[in-house]
Amino acid sequence: MNVRNCRKCGRIFNYVSGPPICMQCKEALEEKFQEVKKYIYENRHASIPQVSEACDVSPNQIQQWLREERLELAEGSGITLFCENCEAPIMSGRFCDKCKNSMADQLSSSIKKPEAPKPKPKKDTKENPKMRFLN
């Protein structure tokens, strides 16, 4: 059993996986997420500081939701995200589609594929045509 203190409230809880916060704090964070999502939907041109102030959520948390692809920006949004690799503007996540595809290609080419087993050469019966007898 893995027992930890919640990073937000300090309560002791049974840690399973994910961020080290208790269920009550996870539920409160999910409610804030829904509030932010609704606010961004209604105010498409709002910036991160405006959303942060209106919903009482830290700008870092909003940025994290965007990077996790839980939130996606609309066209013409006041919030701008950039690809971490090539600095191209993106709607959510960490990388643009071009960089994602490039990284996937590099990864798949770096993995060695197993070689097919070489067939064993068969003995040619015509090579030694002598007949053998057992006494």
Protein backbone atom coordinates (compact mmCIF):
# COMPACT_ATOMS: atom_id res chain seq x y z
CA MET A 1 0.00 0.00 0.00
CA ASN A 2 1.41 3.37 -1.06
CA VAL A 3 0.31 6.14 1.32
CA ARG A 4 1.14 9.78 0.54
CA ASN A 5 0.20 13.29 1.57
CA CYS A 6 -1.91 15.25 -0.89
CA ARG A 7 0.14 17.92 -2.63
CA LYS A 8 -2.73 20.43 -2.41
CA CYS A 9 -4.40 19.92 0.99
CA GLY A 10 -1.91 17.76 2.90
CA ARG A 11 -4.35 14.94 3.72
CA ILE A 12 -3.07 11.37 3.80
CA PHE A 13 -4.47 9.17 1.03
CA ASN A 14 -3.81 5.87 -0.72
CA TYR A 15 -1.82 6.77 -3.84
CA VAL A 16 -2.48 4.65 -6.92
CA SER A 17 -1.28 6.62 -9.95
CA GLY A 18 -1.27 10.05 -11.57
CA PRO A 19 -0.65 13.31 -9.75
CA PRO A 20 -0.21 12.91 -5.99
CA ILE A 21 -3.47 14.55 -4.94
CA CYS A 22 -6.40 13.08 -2.99
CA MET A 23 -9.81 12.29 -4.50
CA GLN A 24 -11.44 15.40 -3.02
CA CYS A 25 -8.82 17.63 -4.62
CA LYS A 26 -9.11 15.72 -7.93
CA GLU A 27 -12.87 16.31 -7.93
CA ALA A 28 -12.41 20.01 -7.11
CA LEU A 29 -9.83 20.30 -9.91
CA GLU A 30 -12.20 18.61 -12.35
CA GLU A 31 -14.95 21.10 -11.40
CA LYS A 32 -12.52 23.97 -12.06
CA PHE A 33 -11.62 22.38 -15.41
CA GLN A 34 -15.28 22.28 -16.44
CA GLU A 35 -15.67 25.92 -15.36
CA VAL A 36 -12.63 26.97 -17.41
CA LYS A 37 -13.83 24.95 -20.40
CA LYS A 38 -17.23 26.66 -20.27
CA TYR A 39 -15.66 30.11 -19.87
CA ILE A 40 -13.36 29.60 -22.86
CA TYR A 41 -16.28 28.34 -24.94
CA GLU A 42 -18.33 31.45 -24.09
CA ASN A 43 -15.37 33.88 -24.37
CA ARG A 44 -13.33 32.62 -27.30
CA HIS A 45 -11.03 35.64 -27.43
CA ALA A 46 -10.05 35.59 -23.75
CA SER A 47 -6.35 35.34 -22.86
CA ILE A 48 -4.89 33.00 -20.23
CA PRO A 49 -4.62 35.78 -17.59
CA GLN A 50 -8.27 36.73 -18.21
CA VAL A 51 -9.42 33.12 -17.90
CA SER A 52 -7.25 32.66 -14.81
CA GLU A 53 -8.73 35.70 -13.11
CA ALA A 54 -12.34 34.95 -14.08
CA CYS A 55 -12.23 31.29 -13.00
CA ASP A 56 -9.80 31.60 -10.08
CA VAL A 57 -7.39 29.05 -11.57
CA SER A 58 -3.63 29.48 -11.90
CA PRO A 59 -2.30 30.26 -15.39
CA ASN A 60 0.05 27.28 -15.04
CA GLN A 61 -2.91 24.94 -14.55
CA ILE A 62 -4.62 26.28 -17.68
CA GLN A 63 -1.37 25.87 -19.61
CA GLN A 64 -1.08 22.29 -18.31
CA TRP A 65 -4.61 21.42 -19.48
CA LEU A 66 -3.77 22.82 -22.91
CA ARG A 67 -0.53 20.80 -23.08
CA GLU A 68 -2.36 17.64 -21.96
CA GLU A 69 -4.82 18.24 -24.84
CA ARG A 70 -7.76 18.39 -22.44
CA LEU A 71 -8.53 21.90 -23.71
CA GLU A 72 -8.35 22.91 -27.34
CA LEU A 73 -8.23 26.47 -28.58
CA ALA A 74 -10.72 27.76 -31.11
CA GLU A 75 -9.72 29.61 -34.29
CA GLY A 76 -9.00 33.25 -33.50
CA SER A 77 -8.56 32.58 -29.80
CA GLY A 78 -6.66 35.12 -27.70
CA ILE A 79 -4.47 32.30 -26.36
CA THR A 80 -1.49 31.21 -28.43
CA LEU A 81 0.42 27.96 -28.01
CA PHE A 82 3.60 27.09 -29.85
CA CYS A 83 5.15 23.75 -30.79
CA GLU A 84 8.00 22.92 -28.40
CA ASN A 85 10.12 21.76 -31.33
CA CYS A 86 9.62 24.17 -34.24
CA GLU A 87 7.69 27.05 -32.59
CA ALA A 88 4.74 26.71 -35.03
CA PRO A 89 1.37 27.85 -33.61
CA ILE A 90 -0.80 24.94 -32.40
CA MET A 91 -4.28 24.54 -30.89
CA SER A 92 -3.37 22.12 -28.07
CA GLY A 93 -0.72 19.64 -27.01
CA ARG A 94 3.04 20.05 -27.09
CA PHE A 95 3.94 19.48 -30.73
CA CYS A 96 2.51 20.32 -34.15
CA ASP A 97 1.34 17.51 -36.46
CA LYS A 98 4.48 17.78 -38.60
CA CYS A 99 6.79 17.30 -35.60
CA LYS A 100 4.63 14.48 -34.19
CA ASN A 101 4.86 12.60 -37.50
CA SER A 102 8.60 13.22 -37.72
CA MET A 103 9.18 11.90 -34.19
CA ALA A 104 7.02 8.84 -34.87
CA ASP A 105 8.98 8.10 -38.06
CA GLN A 106 12.31 8.46 -36.23
CA LEU A 107 11.14 6.19 -33.46
CA SER A 108 9.88 3.48 -35.78
CA SER A 109 13.08 3.58 -37.84
CA SER A 110 15.26 3.33 -34.72
CA ILE A 111 13.60 0.11 -33.57
CA LYS A 112 15.37 -2.90 -35.04
CA LYS A 113 13.06 -5.35 -36.67
CA PRO A 114 13.82 -9.02 -36.01
CA GLU A 115 15.54 -10.75 -38.88
CA ALA A 116 13.83 -13.71 -40.45
CA PRO A 117 15.59 -16.98 -39.68
CA LYS A 118 17.80 -18.12 -42.53
CA PRO A 119 16.68 -21.38 -44.09
CA LYS A 120 19.05 -24.29 -43.57
CA PRO A 121 20.55 -25.54 -46.79
CA LYS A 122 19.22 -28.96 -47.75
CA LYS A 123 21.66 -31.69 -48.54
CA ASP A 124 21.71 -32.44 -52.19
CA THR A 125 21.07 -36.12 -52.67
CA LYS A 126 22.65 -36.00 -56.11
CA GLU A 127 25.94 -34.87 -54.67
CA ASN A 128 26.83 -38.35 -53.42
CA PRO A 129 24.85 -40.77 -55.60
CA LYS A 130 26.47 -43.96 -54.27
CA MET A 131 24.14 -46.57 -52.91
CA ARG A 132 24.90 -47.90 -49.45
CA PHE A 133 23.98 -51.31 -48.06
CA LEU A 134 23.91 -52.50 -44.52
CA ASN A 135 25.28 -55.99 -43.81
